[in-house]
């Protein structure tokens, strides 16, 4: 792999797992993440959720989408932190996707590539 290669890591996780994961990503050198509240359609029929002591059928799960642009050198550690902090062994633990980034530009400083990560 190229030393200046960049990746976009996107993960869908349960909202209550966010804070620990965010802190641990910071510890390994991930400098910023974008967080978006989202809903996911689940393929498991008959899935139930609990809210304020009540049980109900759920086709849509509330989750959080996190995105972070990182250098290749942080990729494996980033994946380990996300999976380690979010895996509860149940439905809806989430998904991670990794995409190659062609270019990154920091608007404020005009930095590009690795400098903009």
PDB file of N, CA and C in Angstrom:
ATOM      1  N   UNK A   1       0.828  -1.181   0.000  1.00  0.00           N
ATOM      2  CA  UNK A   1       0.000   0.000   0.000  1.00  0.00           C
ATOM      3  C   UNK A   1       0.876   1.248   0.000  1.00  0.00           C
ATOM      4  N   UNK A   2       0.364   2.293  -0.601  1.00  0.00           N
ATOM      5  CA  UNK A   2       1.086   3.557  -0.633  1.00  0.00           C
ATOM      6  C   UNK A   2       1.068   4.186   0.753  1.00  0.00           C
ATOM      7  N   UNK A   3       2.179   4.828   1.109  1.00  0.00           N
ATOM      8  CA  UNK A   3       2.252   5.438   2.436  1.00  0.00           C
ATOM      9  C   UNK A   3       1.354   6.659   2.548  1.00  0.00           C
ATOM     10  N   UNK A   4       1.007   7.297   1.409  1.00  0.00           N
ATOM     11  CA  UNK A   4       0.160   8.476   1.470  1.00  0.00           C
ATOM     12  C   UNK A   4      -1.292   8.173   1.136  1.00  0.00           C
ATOM     13  N   UNK A   5      -1.646   6.895   1.117  1.00  0.00           N
ATOM     14  CA  UNK A   5      -3.022   6.515   0.807  1.00  0.00           C
ATOM     15  C   UNK A   5      -3.936   6.903   1.965  1.00  0.00           C
ATOM     16  N   UNK A   6      -5.171   7.231   1.597  1.00  0.00           N
ATOM     17  CA  UNK A   6      -6.158   7.654   2.582  1.00  0.00           C
ATOM     18  C   UNK A   6      -7.399   6.781   2.461  1.00  0.00           C
ATOM     19  N   UNK A   7      -8.072   6.599   3.564  1.00  0.00           N
ATOM     20  CA  UNK A   7      -9.280   5.782   3.604  1.00  0.00           C
ATOM     21  C   UNK A   7     -10.400   6.562   4.263  1.00  0.00           C
ATOM     22  N   UNK A   8     -11.619   6.290   3.841  1.00  0.00           N
ATOM     23  CA  UNK A   8     -12.806   6.759   4.530  1.00  0.00           C
ATOM     24  C   UNK A   8     -13.415   5.552   5.208  1.00  0.00           C
ATOM     25  N   UNK A   9     -13.459   5.578   6.527  1.00  0.00           N
ATOM     26  CA  UNK A   9     -14.067   4.497   7.297  1.00  0.00           C
ATOM     27  C   UNK A   9     -15.448   4.978   7.718  1.00  0.00           C
ATOM     28  N   UNK A  10     -16.468   4.198   7.358  1.00  0.00           N
ATOM     29  CA  UNK A  10     -17.844   4.500   7.720  1.00  0.00           C
ATOM     30  C   UNK A  10     -18.363   3.348   8.562  1.00  0.00           C
ATOM     31  N   UNK A  11     -18.988   3.654   9.670  1.00  0.00           N
ATOM     32  CA  UNK A  11     -19.529   2.607  10.540  1.00  0.00           C
ATOM     33  C   UNK A  11     -20.919   3.000  11.004  1.00  0.00           C
ATOM     34  N   UNK A  12     -21.808   2.019  11.035  1.00  0.00           N
ATOM     35  CA  UNK A  12     -23.135   2.165  11.641  1.00  0.00           C
ATOM     36  C   UNK A  12     -23.093   1.424  12.959  1.00  0.00           C
ATOM     37  N   UNK A  13     -23.385   2.138  14.043  1.00  0.00           N
ATOM     38  CA  UNK A  13     -23.281   1.541  15.373  1.00  0.00           C
ATOM     39  C   UNK A  13     -24.489   1.932  16.223  1.00  0.00           C
ATOM     40  N   UNK A  14     -24.637   1.245  17.348  1.00  0.00           N
ATOM     41  CA  UNK A  14     -25.685   1.600  18.297  1.00  0.00           C
ATOM     42  C   UNK A  14     -25.298   2.906  18.996  1.00  0.00           C
ATOM     43  N   UNK A  15     -26.263   3.806  19.183  1.00  0.00           N
ATOM     44  CA  UNK A  15     -25.945   5.123  19.754  1.00  0.00           C
ATOM     45  C   UNK A  15     -25.234   5.084  21.102  1.00  0.00           C
ATOM     46  N   UNK A  16     -25.594   4.157  21.973  1.00  0.00           N
ATOM     47  CA  UNK A  16     -24.992   4.140  23.307  1.00  0.00           C
ATOM     48  C   UNK A  16     -23.542   3.663  23.298  1.00  0.00           C
ATOM     49  N   UNK A  17     -23.052   3.179  22.156  1.00  0.00           N
ATOM     50  CA  UNK A  17     -21.659   2.742  22.035  1.00  0.00           C
ATOM     51  C   UNK A  17     -20.738   3.870  21.562  1.00  0.00           C
ATOM     52  N   UNK A  18     -21.322   5.000  21.175  1.00  0.00           N
ATOM     53  CA  UNK A  18     -20.562   6.068  20.527  1.00  0.00           C
ATOM     54  C   UNK A  18     -19.470   6.668  21.404  1.00  0.00           C
ATOM     55  N   UNK A  19     -19.772   7.031  22.632  1.00  0.00           N
ATOM     56  CA  UNK A  19     -18.814   7.802  23.438  1.00  0.00           C
ATOM     57  C   UNK A  19     -17.521   7.035  23.711  1.00  0.00           C
ATOM     58  N   UNK A  20     -17.618   5.772  24.119  1.00  0.00           N
ATOM     59  CA  UNK A  20     -16.404   4.980  24.361  1.00  0.00           C
ATOM     60  C   UNK A  20     -15.592   4.833  23.081  1.00  0.00           C
ATOM     61  N   UNK A  21     -16.279   4.564  21.971  1.00  0.00           N
ATOM     62  CA  UNK A  21     -15.587   4.389  20.702  1.00  0.00           C
ATOM     63  C   UNK A  21     -14.888   5.683  20.291  1.00  0.00           C
ATOM     64  N   UNK A  22     -15.553   6.812  20.451  1.00  0.00           N
ATOM     65  CA  UNK A  22     -14.973   8.106  20.090  1.00  0.00           C
ATOM     66  C   UNK A  22     -13.702   8.374  20.903  1.00  0.00           C
ATOM     67  N   UNK A  23     -13.753   8.119  22.196  1.00  0.00           N
ATOM     68  CA  UNK A  23     -12.580   8.322  23.048  1.00  0.00           C
ATOM     69  C   UNK A  23     -11.423   7.418  22.633  1.00  0.00           C
ATOM     70  N   UNK A  24     -11.717   6.157  22.336  1.00  0.00           N
ATOM     71  CA  UNK A  24     -10.661   5.211  21.964  1.00  0.00           C
ATOM     72  C   UNK A  24     -10.084   5.507  20.588  1.00  0.00           C
ATOM     73  N   UNK A  25     -10.902   6.009  19.660  1.00  0.00           N
ATOM     74  CA  UNK A  25     -10.369   6.430  18.363  1.00  0.00           C
ATOM     75  C   UNK A  25      -9.404   7.599  18.550  1.00  0.00           C
ATOM     76  N   UNK A  26      -9.751   8.513  19.422  1.00  0.00           N
ATOM     77  CA  UNK A  26      -8.878   9.651  19.699  1.00  0.00           C
ATOM     78  C   UNK A  26      -7.540   9.181  20.266  1.00  0.00           C
ATOM     79  N   UNK A  27      -7.556   8.182  21.123  1.00  0.00           N
ATOM     80  CA  UNK A  27      -6.327   7.658  21.732  1.00  0.00           C
ATOM     81  C   UNK A  27      -5.360   7.078  20.718  1.00  0.00           C
ATOM     82  N   UNK A  28      -5.878   6.520  19.603  1.00  0.00           N
ATOM     83  CA  UNK A  28      -4.979   5.926  18.597  1.00  0.00           C
ATOM     84  C   UNK A  28      -4.565   6.940  17.532  1.00  0.00           C
ATOM     85  N   UNK A  29      -5.066   8.170  17.622  1.00  0.00           N
ATOM     86  CA  UNK A  29      -4.635   9.201  16.696  1.00  0.00           C
ATOM     87  C   UNK A  29      -5.641   9.621  15.648  1.00  0.00           C
ATOM     88  N   UNK A  30      -6.860   9.100  15.713  1.00  0.00           N
ATOM     89  CA  UNK A  30      -7.905   9.569  14.801  1.00  0.00           C
ATOM     90  C   UNK A  30      -8.309  10.955  15.261  1.00  0.00           C
ATOM     91  N   UNK A  31      -8.160  11.946  14.374  1.00  0.00           N
ATOM     92  CA  UNK A  31      -8.307  13.337  14.798  1.00  0.00           C
ATOM     93  C   UNK A  31      -9.700  13.902  14.647  1.00  0.00           C
ATOM     94  N   UNK A  32     -10.563  13.257  13.919  1.00  0.00           N
ATOM     95  CA  UNK A  32     -11.905  13.796  13.778  1.00  0.00           C
ATOM     96  C   UNK A  32     -12.856  12.783  13.186  1.00  0.00           C
ATOM     97  N   UNK A  33     -14.106  12.851  13.619  1.00  0.00           N
ATOM     98  CA  UNK A  33     -15.143  12.004  13.042  1.00  0.00           C
ATOM     99  C   UNK A  33     -16.392  12.846  12.817  1.00  0.00           C
ATOM    100  N   UNK A  34     -17.150  12.437  11.825  1.00  0.00           N
ATOM    101  CA  UNK A  34     -18.448  13.040  11.572  1.00  0.00           C
ATOM    102  C   UNK A  34     -19.494  12.060  12.062  1.00  0.00           C
ATOM    103  N   UNK A  35     -20.483  12.557  12.798  1.00  0.00           N
ATOM    104  CA  UNK A  35     -21.514  11.710  13.399  1.00  0.00           C
ATOM    105  C   UNK A  35     -22.877  12.130  12.863  1.00  0.00           C
ATOM    106  N   UNK A  36     -23.642  11.148  12.386  1.00  0.00           N
ATOM    107  CA  UNK A  36     -24.979  11.409  11.860  1.00  0.00           C
ATOM    108  C   UNK A  36     -25.948  10.406  12.480  1.00  0.00           C
ATOM    109  N   UNK A  37     -27.067  10.888  13.021  1.00  0.00           N
ATOM    110  CA  UNK A  37     -28.104   9.978  13.502  1.00  0.00           C
ATOM    111  C   UNK A  37     -28.798   9.384  12.285  1.00  0.00           C
ATOM    112  N   UNK A  38     -29.097   8.073  12.337  1.00  0.00           N
ATOM    113  CA  UNK A  38     -29.724   7.427  11.189  1.00  0.00           C
ATOM    114  C   UNK A  38     -30.611   6.271  11.638  1.00  0.00           C
ATOM    115  N   UNK A  39     -31.313   5.718  10.681  1.00  0.00           N
ATOM    116  CA  UNK A  39     -32.143   4.537  10.911  1.00  0.00           C
ATOM    117  C   UNK A  39     -31.783   3.511   9.851  1.00  0.00           C
ATOM    118  N   UNK A  40     -31.806   2.240  10.229  1.00  0.00           N
ATOM    119  CA  UNK A  40     -31.499   1.157   9.298  1.00  0.00           C
ATOM    120  C   UNK A  40     -32.654   0.176   9.259  1.00  0.00           C
ATOM    121  N   UNK A  41     -32.990  -0.268   8.075  1.00  0.00           N
ATOM    122  CA  UNK A  41     -33.993  -1.309   7.908  1.00  0.00           C
ATOM    123  C   UNK A  41     -33.314  -2.635   8.202  1.00  0.00           C
ATOM    124  N   UNK A  42     -33.915  -3.453   9.062  1.00  0.00           N
ATOM    125  CA  UNK A  42     -33.312  -4.737   9.419  1.00  0.00           C
ATOM    126  C   UNK A  42     -34.027  -5.860   8.699  1.00  0.00           C
ATOM    127  N   UNK A  43     -33.272  -6.847   8.281  1.00  0.00           N
ATOM    128  CA  UNK A  43     -33.853  -7.952   7.520  1.00  0.00           C
ATOM    129  C   UNK A  43     -34.401  -9.062   8.416  1.00  0.00           C
ATOM    130  N   UNK A  44     -34.060  -9.033   9.709  1.00  0.00           N
ATOM    131  CA  UNK A  44     -34.551 -10.061  10.619  1.00  0.00           C
ATOM    132  C   UNK A  44     -36.015  -9.797  10.925  1.00  0.00           C
ATOM    133  N   UNK A  45     -36.888 -10.679  10.463  1.00  0.00           N
ATOM    134  CA  UNK A  45     -38.312 -10.488  10.770  1.00  0.00           C
ATOM    135  C   UNK A  45     -38.571 -10.894  12.211  1.00  0.00           C
ATOM    136  N   UNK A  46     -39.531 -10.231  12.830  1.00  0.00           N
ATOM    137  CA  UNK A  46     -39.879 -10.550  14.202  1.00  0.00           C
ATOM    138  C   UNK A  46     -38.915  -9.977  15.224  1.00  0.00           C
ATOM    139  N   UNK A  47     -38.009  -9.097  14.797  1.00  0.00           N
ATOM    140  CA  UNK A  47     -37.063  -8.473  15.725  1.00  0.00           C
ATOM    141  C   UNK A  47     -37.827  -7.563  16.689  1.00  0.00           C
ATOM    142  N   UNK A  48     -37.482  -7.620  17.952  1.00  0.00           N
ATOM    143  CA  UNK A  48     -38.147  -6.763  18.942  1.00  0.00           C
ATOM    144  C   UNK A  48     -37.132  -5.857  19.609  1.00  0.00           C
ATOM    145  N   UNK A  49     -37.602  -4.700  20.013  1.00  0.00           N
ATOM    146  CA  UNK A  49     -36.804  -3.725  20.741  1.00  0.00           C
ATOM    147  C   UNK A  49     -37.498  -3.453  22.068  1.00  0.00           C
ATOM    148  N   UNK A  50     -36.756  -2.887  23.007  1.00  0.00           N
ATOM    149  CA  UNK A  50     -37.320  -2.491  24.290  1.00  0.00           C
ATOM    150  C   UNK A  50     -37.121  -0.996  24.465  1.00  0.00           C
ATOM    151  N   UNK A  51     -38.174  -0.338  24.888  1.00  0.00           N
ATOM    152  CA  UNK A  51     -38.094   1.101  25.143  1.00  0.00           C
ATOM    153  C   UNK A  51     -38.943   1.421  26.353  1.00  0.00           C
ATOM    154  N   UNK A  52     -38.339   2.003  27.370  1.00  0.00           N
ATOM    155  CA  UNK A  52     -39.021   2.348  28.621  1.00  0.00           C
ATOM    156  C   UNK A  52     -39.827   1.181  29.186  1.00  0.00           C
ATOM    157  N   UNK A  53     -39.215   0.010  29.117  1.00  0.00           N
ATOM    158  CA  UNK A  53     -39.838  -1.174  29.698  1.00  0.00           C
ATOM    159  C   UNK A  53     -40.845  -1.879  28.808  1.00  0.00           C
ATOM    160  N   UNK A  54     -41.196  -1.303  27.665  1.00  0.00           N
ATOM    161  CA  UNK A  54     -42.144  -1.937  26.744  1.00  0.00           C
ATOM    162  C   UNK A  54     -41.404  -2.607  25.604  1.00  0.00           C
ATOM    163  N   UNK A  55     -41.965  -3.707  25.115  1.00  0.00           N
ATOM    164  CA  UNK A  55     -41.397  -4.423  23.985  1.00  0.00           C
ATOM    165  C   UNK A  55     -42.249  -4.133  22.757  1.00  0.00           C
ATOM    166  N   UNK A  56     -41.602  -3.916  21.617  1.00  0.00           N
ATOM    167  CA  UNK A  56     -42.347  -3.657  20.391  1.00  0.00           C
ATOM    168  C   UNK A  56     -41.579  -4.203  19.193  1.00  0.00           C
ATOM    169  N   UNK A  57     -42.308  -4.514  18.114  1.00  0.00           N
ATOM    170  CA  UNK A  57     -41.686  -4.995  16.880  1.00  0.00           C
ATOM    171  C   UNK A  57     -40.998  -3.817  16.199  1.00  0.00           C
ATOM    172  N   UNK A  58     -39.809  -4.072  15.657  1.00  0.00           N
ATOM    173  CA  UNK A  58     -39.050  -2.983  15.039  1.00  0.00           C
ATOM    174  C   UNK A  58     -38.498  -3.421  13.693  1.00  0.00           C
ATOM    175  N   UNK A  59     -38.858  -2.696  12.646  1.00  0.00           N
ATOM    176  CA  UNK A  59     -38.266  -2.911  11.337  1.00  0.00           C
ATOM    177  C   UNK A  59     -37.138  -1.918  11.086  1.00  0.00           C
ATOM    178  N   UNK A  60     -37.172  -0.793  11.787  1.00  0.00           N
ATOM    179  CA  UNK A  60     -36.134   0.218  11.663  1.00  0.00           C
ATOM    180  C   UNK A  60     -35.399   0.348  12.989  1.00  0.00           C
ATOM    181  N   UNK A  61     -34.081   0.279  12.907  1.00  0.00           N
ATOM    182  CA  UNK A  61     -33.265   0.438  14.109  1.00  0.00           C
ATOM    183  C   UNK A  61     -32.620   1.812  14.110  1.00  0.00           C
ATOM    184  N   UNK A  62     -32.658   2.478  15.243  1.00  0.00           N
ATOM    185  CA  UNK A  62     -31.928   3.732  15.389  1.00  0.00           C
ATOM    186  C   UNK A  62     -30.453   3.406  15.531  1.00  0.00           C
ATOM    187  N   UNK A  63     -29.629   4.132  14.811  1.00  0.00           N
ATOM    188  CA  UNK A  63     -28.197   3.953  14.948  1.00  0.00           C
ATOM    189  C   UNK A  63     -27.492   5.265  14.666  1.00  0.00           C
ATOM    190  N   UNK A  64     -26.202   5.221  14.759  1.00  0.00           N
ATOM    191  CA  UNK A  64     -25.366   6.383  14.498  1.00  0.00           C
ATOM    192  C   UNK A  64     -24.402   5.997  13.394  1.00  0.00           C
ATOM    193  N   UNK A  65     -24.266   6.888  12.413  1.00  0.00           N
ATOM    194  CA  UNK A  65     -23.283   6.674  11.354  1.00  0.00           C
ATOM    195  C   UNK A  65     -22.085   7.560  11.668  1.00  0.00           C
ATOM    196  N   UNK A  66     -20.918   6.932  11.747  1.00  0.00           N
ATOM    197  CA  UNK A  66     -19.706   7.709  11.949  1.00  0.00           C
ATOM    198  C   UNK A  66     -18.860   7.584  10.690  1.00  0.00           C
ATOM    199  N   UNK A  67     -18.190   8.668  10.359  1.00  0.00           N
ATOM    200  CA  UNK A  67     -17.286   8.680   9.217  1.00  0.00           C
ATOM    201  C   UNK A  67     -15.994   9.353   9.651  1.00  0.00           C
ATOM    202  N   UNK A  68     -14.877   8.777   9.220  1.00  0.00           N
ATOM    203  CA  UNK A  68     -13.589   9.388   9.511  1.00  0.00           C
ATOM    204  C   UNK A  68     -12.630   9.130   8.361  1.00  0.00           C
ATOM    205  N   UNK A  69     -11.907  10.160   7.987  1.00  0.00           N
ATOM    206  CA  UNK A  69     -10.861  10.041   6.969  1.00  0.00           C
ATOM    207  C   UNK A  69      -9.547   9.819   7.699  1.00  0.00           C
ATOM    208  N   UNK A  70      -8.847   8.750   7.321  1.00  0.00           N
ATOM    209  CA  UNK A  70      -7.611   8.386   8.015  1.00  0.00           C
ATOM    210  C   UNK A  70      -6.547   7.988   7.006  1.00  0.00           C
ATOM    211  N   UNK A  71      -5.305   7.917   7.468  1.00  0.00           N
ATOM    212  CA  UNK A  71      -4.236   7.375   6.640  1.00  0.00           C
ATOM    213  C   UNK A  71      -4.255   5.852   6.752  1.00  0.00           C
ATOM    214  N   UNK A  72      -3.671   5.198   5.771  1.00  0.00           N
ATOM    215  CA  UNK A  72      -3.624   3.732   5.777  1.00  0.00           C
ATOM    216  C   UNK A  72      -3.016   3.164   7.049  1.00  0.00           C
ATOM    217  N   UNK A  73      -2.047   3.867   7.612  1.00  0.00           N
ATOM    218  CA  UNK A  73      -1.365   3.330   8.792  1.00  0.00           C
ATOM    219  C   UNK A  73      -2.291   3.180   9.994  1.00  0.00           C
ATOM    220  N   UNK A  74      -3.410   3.905  10.006  1.00  0.00           N
ATOM    221  CA  UNK A  74      -4.359   3.803  11.120  1.00  0.00           C
ATOM    222  C   UNK A  74      -5.527   2.855  10.836  1.00  0.00           C
ATOM    223  N   UNK A  75      -5.583   2.286   9.652  1.00  0.00           N
ATOM    224  CA  UNK A  75      -6.764   1.519   9.255  1.00  0.00           C
ATOM    225  C   UNK A  75      -7.046   0.326  10.167  1.00  0.00           C
ATOM    226  N   UNK A  76      -6.078  -0.540  10.359  1.00  0.00           N
ATOM    227  CA  UNK A  76      -6.326  -1.744  11.161  1.00  0.00           C
ATOM    228  C   UNK A  76      -6.681  -1.400  12.612  1.00  0.00           C
ATOM    229  N   UNK A  77      -5.974  -0.429  13.196  1.00  0.00           N
ATOM    230  CA  UNK A  77      -6.275  -0.020  14.569  1.00  0.00           C
ATOM    231  C   UNK A  77      -7.676   0.574  14.664  1.00  0.00           C
ATOM    232  N   UNK A  78      -8.061   1.356  13.663  1.00  0.00           N
ATOM    233  CA  UNK A  78      -9.390   1.969  13.655  1.00  0.00           C
ATOM    234  C   UNK A  78     -10.474   0.902  13.620  1.00  0.00           C
ATOM    235  N   UNK A  79     -10.305  -0.086  12.761  1.00  0.00           N
ATOM    236  CA  UNK A  79     -11.274  -1.177  12.672  1.00  0.00           C
ATOM    237  C   UNK A  79     -11.324  -1.957  13.981  1.00  0.00           C
ATOM    238  N   UNK A  80     -10.168  -2.212  14.589  1.00  0.00           N
ATOM    239  CA  UNK A  80     -10.133  -2.929  15.865  1.00  0.00           C
ATOM    240  C   UNK A  80     -10.867  -2.160  16.960  1.00  0.00           C
ATOM    241  N   UNK A  81     -10.671  -0.845  17.015  1.00  0.00           N
ATOM    242  CA  UNK A  81     -11.358  -0.036  18.034  1.00  0.00           C
ATOM    243  C   UNK A  81     -12.860  -0.080  17.812  1.00  0.00           C
ATOM    244  N   UNK A  82     -13.295   0.119  16.580  1.00  0.00           N
ATOM    245  CA  UNK A  82     -14.739   0.139  16.308  1.00  0.00           C
ATOM    246  C   UNK A  82     -15.367  -1.202  16.624  1.00  0.00           C
ATOM    247  N   UNK A  83     -14.780  -2.289  16.156  1.00  0.00           N
ATOM    248  CA  UNK A  83     -15.374  -3.607  16.428  1.00  0.00           C
ATOM    249  C   UNK A  83     -15.292  -3.955  17.907  1.00  0.00           C
ATOM    250  N   UNK A  84     -14.185  -3.630  18.560  1.00  0.00           N
ATOM    251  CA  UNK A  84     -14.038  -3.944  19.975  1.00  0.00           C
ATOM    252  C   UNK A  84     -15.000  -3.180  20.856  1.00  0.00           C
ATOM    253  N   UNK A  85     -15.268  -1.928  20.499  1.00  0.00           N
ATOM    254  CA  UNK A  85     -16.133  -1.093  21.330  1.00  0.00           C
ATOM    255  C   UNK A  85     -17.611  -1.265  21.021  1.00  0.00           C
ATOM    256  N   UNK A  86     -17.959  -1.875  19.899  1.00  0.00           N
ATOM    257  CA  UNK A  86     -19.368  -1.931  19.509  1.00  0.00           C
ATOM    258  C   UNK A  86     -19.946  -3.335  19.422  1.00  0.00           C
ATOM    259  N   UNK A  87     -19.124  -4.368  19.473  1.00  0.00           N
ATOM    260  CA  UNK A  87     -19.615  -5.738  19.315  1.00  0.00           C
ATOM    261  C   UNK A  87     -20.219  -6.245  20.621  1.00  0.00           C
ATOM    262  N   UNK A  88     -21.552  -6.362  20.619  1.00  0.00           N
ATOM    263  CA  UNK A  88     -22.254  -6.921  21.773  1.00  0.00           C
ATOM    264  C   UNK A  88     -22.780  -8.321  21.457  1.00  0.00           C
ATOM    265  N   UNK A  89     -22.547  -8.778  20.226  1.00  0.00           N
ATOM    266  CA  UNK A  89     -22.977 -10.109  19.832  1.00  0.00           C
ATOM    267  C   UNK A  89     -24.450 -10.207  19.503  1.00  0.00           C
ATOM    268  N   UNK A  90     -25.069  -9.082  19.171  1.00  0.00           N
ATOM    269  CA  UNK A  90     -26.503  -9.107  18.902  1.00  0.00           C
ATOM    270  C   UNK A  90     -26.866  -8.461  17.580  1.00  0.00           C
ATOM    271  N   UNK A  91     -28.140  -8.563  17.251  1.00  0.00           N
ATOM    272  CA  UNK A  91     -28.672  -7.933  16.056  1.00  0.00           C
ATOM    273  C   UNK A  91     -28.474  -6.430  16.160  1.00  0.00           C
ATOM    274  N   UNK A  92     -28.017  -5.829  15.076  1.00  0.00           N
ATOM    275  CA  UNK A  92     -27.863  -4.386  15.049  1.00  0.00           C
ATOM    276  C   UNK A  92     -26.560  -3.867  15.612  1.00  0.00           C
ATOM    277  N   UNK A  93     -25.574  -4.751  15.835  1.00  0.00           N
ATOM    278  CA  UNK A  93     -24.270  -4.278  16.314  1.00  0.00           C
ATOM    279  C   UNK A  93     -23.631  -3.323  15.319  1.00  0.00           C
ATOM    280  N   UNK A  94     -23.943  -3.480  14.041  1.00  0.00           N
ATOM    281  CA  UNK A  94     -23.471  -2.516  13.067  1.00  0.00           C
ATOM    282  C   UNK A  94     -22.680  -3.100  11.929  1.00  0.00           C
ATOM    283  N   UNK A  95     -22.170  -2.193  11.113  1.00  0.00           N
ATOM    284  CA  UNK A  95     -21.368  -2.549   9.945  1.00  0.00           C
ATOM    285  C   UNK A  95     -20.286  -1.505   9.773  1.00  0.00           C
ATOM    286  N   UNK A  96     -19.169  -1.930   9.166  1.00  0.00           N
ATOM    287  CA  UNK A  96     -18.074  -1.024   8.844  1.00  0.00           C
ATOM    288  C   UNK A  96     -17.786  -1.157   7.358  1.00  0.00           C
ATOM    289  N   UNK A  97     -17.593  -0.027   6.687  1.00  0.00           N
ATOM    290  CA  UNK A  97     -17.133  -0.075   5.301  1.00  0.00           C
ATOM    291  C   UNK A  97     -15.915   0.824   5.169  1.00  0.00           C
ATOM    292  N   UNK A  98     -15.029   0.451   4.255  1.00  0.00           N
ATOM    293  CA  UNK A  98     -13.796   1.199   4.027  1.00  0.00           C
ATOM    294  C   UNK A  98     -13.723   1.532   2.542  1.00  0.00           C
ATOM    295  N   UNK A  99     -13.471   2.809   2.251  1.00  0.00           N
ATOM    296  CA  UNK A  99     -13.417   3.293   0.883  1.00  0.00           C
ATOM    297  C   UNK A  99     -12.106   4.032   0.666  1.00  0.00           C
ATOM    298  N   UNK A 100     -11.490   3.843  -0.512  1.00  0.00           N
ATOM    299  CA  UNK A 100     -10.308   4.623  -0.865  1.00  0.00           C
ATOM    300  C   UNK A 100     -10.718   6.056  -1.162  1.00  0.00           C
ATOM    301  N   UNK A 101      -9.925   6.999  -0.683  1.00  0.00           N
ATOM    302  CA  UNK A 101     -10.162   8.415  -0.974  1.00  0.00           C
ATOM    303  C   UNK A 101      -9.157   8.873  -2.019  1.00  0.00           C
ATOM    304  N   UNK A 102      -9.641   9.496  -3.056  1.00  0.00           N
ATOM    305  CA  UNK A 102      -8.774   9.980  -4.124  1.00  0.00           C
ATOM    306  C   UNK A 102      -8.090  11.281  -3.712  1.00  0.00           C
ATOM    307  N   UNK A 103      -8.825  12.159  -3.066  1.00  0.00           N
ATOM    308  CA  UNK A 103      -8.274  13.454  -2.676  1.00  0.00           C
ATOM    309  C   UNK A 103      -9.013  13.986  -1.450  1.00  0.00           C
ATOM    310  N   UNK A 104      -8.287  14.674  -0.598  1.00  0.00           N
ATOM    311  CA  UNK A 104      -8.854  15.387   0.543  1.00  0.00           C
ATOM    312  C   UNK A 104      -8.298  16.802   0.504  1.00  0.00           C
ATOM    313  N   UNK A 105      -9.154  17.776   0.721  1.00  0.00           N
ATOM    314  CA  UNK A 105      -8.725  19.169   0.748  1.00  0.00           C
ATOM    315  C   UNK A 105      -9.307  19.825   1.996  1.00  0.00           C
ATOM    316  N   UNK A 106      -8.445  20.400   2.809  1.00  0.00           N
ATOM    317  CA  UNK A 106      -8.907  21.170   3.976  1.00  0.00           C
ATOM    318  C   UNK A 106      -9.178  22.587   3.474  1.00  0.00           C
ATOM    319  N   UNK A 107     -10.419  22.992   3.501  1.00  0.00           N
ATOM    320  CA  UNK A 107     -10.834  24.259   2.904  1.00  0.00           C
ATOM    321  C   UNK A 107     -10.127  25.451   3.546  1.00  0.00           C
ATOM    322  N   UNK A 108     -10.040  25.474   4.860  1.00  0.00           N
ATOM    323  CA  UNK A 108      -9.467  26.628   5.564  1.00  0.00           C
ATOM    324  C   UNK A 108      -8.023  26.901   5.170  1.00  0.00           C
ATOM    325  N   UNK A 109      -7.199  25.828   5.010  1.00  0.00           N
ATOM    326  CA  UNK A 109      -5.766  26.003   4.795  1.00  0.00           C
ATOM    327  C   UNK A 109      -5.300  25.622   3.396  1.00  0.00           C
ATOM    328  N   UNK A 110      -6.179  25.059   2.592  1.00  0.00           N
ATOM    329  CA  UNK A 110      -5.816  24.537   1.259  1.00  0.00           C
ATOM    330  C   UNK A 110      -4.868  23.348   1.322  1.00  0.00           C
ATOM    331  N   UNK A 111      -4.684  22.753   2.501  1.00  0.00           N
ATOM    332  CA  UNK A 111      -3.861  21.550   2.590  1.00  0.00           C
ATOM    333  C   UNK A 111      -4.553  20.434   1.823  1.00  0.00           C
ATOM    334  N   UNK A 112      -3.764  19.543   1.248  1.00  0.00           N
ATOM    335  CA  UNK A 112      -4.318  18.423   0.503  1.00  0.00           C
ATOM    336  C   UNK A 112      -3.684  17.115   0.955  1.00  0.00           C
ATOM    337  N   UNK A 113      -4.324  16.022   0.560  1.00  0.00           N
ATOM    338  CA  UNK A 113      -3.787  14.694   0.825  1.00  0.00           C
ATOM    339  C   UNK A 113      -3.596  14.405   2.297  1.00  0.00           C
ATOM    340  N   UNK A 114      -2.453  13.800   2.617  1.00  0.00           N
ATOM    341  CA  UNK A 114      -2.138  13.400   3.996  1.00  0.00           C
ATOM    342  C   UNK A 114      -2.178  14.580   4.970  1.00  0.00           C
ATOM    343  N   UNK A 115      -1.737  15.752   4.516  1.00  0.00           N
ATOM    344  CA  UNK A 115      -1.744  16.936   5.384  1.00  0.00           C
ATOM    345  C   UNK A 115      -3.163  17.345   5.778  1.00  0.00           C
ATOM    346  N   UNK A 116      -4.132  17.038   4.937  1.00  0.00           N
ATOM    347  CA  UNK A 116      -5.518  17.422   5.206  1.00  0.00           C
ATOM    348  C   UNK A 116      -6.242  16.417   6.089  1.00  0.00           C
ATOM    349  N   UNK A 117      -5.682  15.220   6.228  1.00  0.00           N
ATOM    350  CA  UNK A 117      -6.315  14.207   7.056  1.00  0.00           C
ATOM    351  C   UNK A 117      -6.218  14.641   8.494  1.00  0.00           C
TER     352      UNK A 117
END
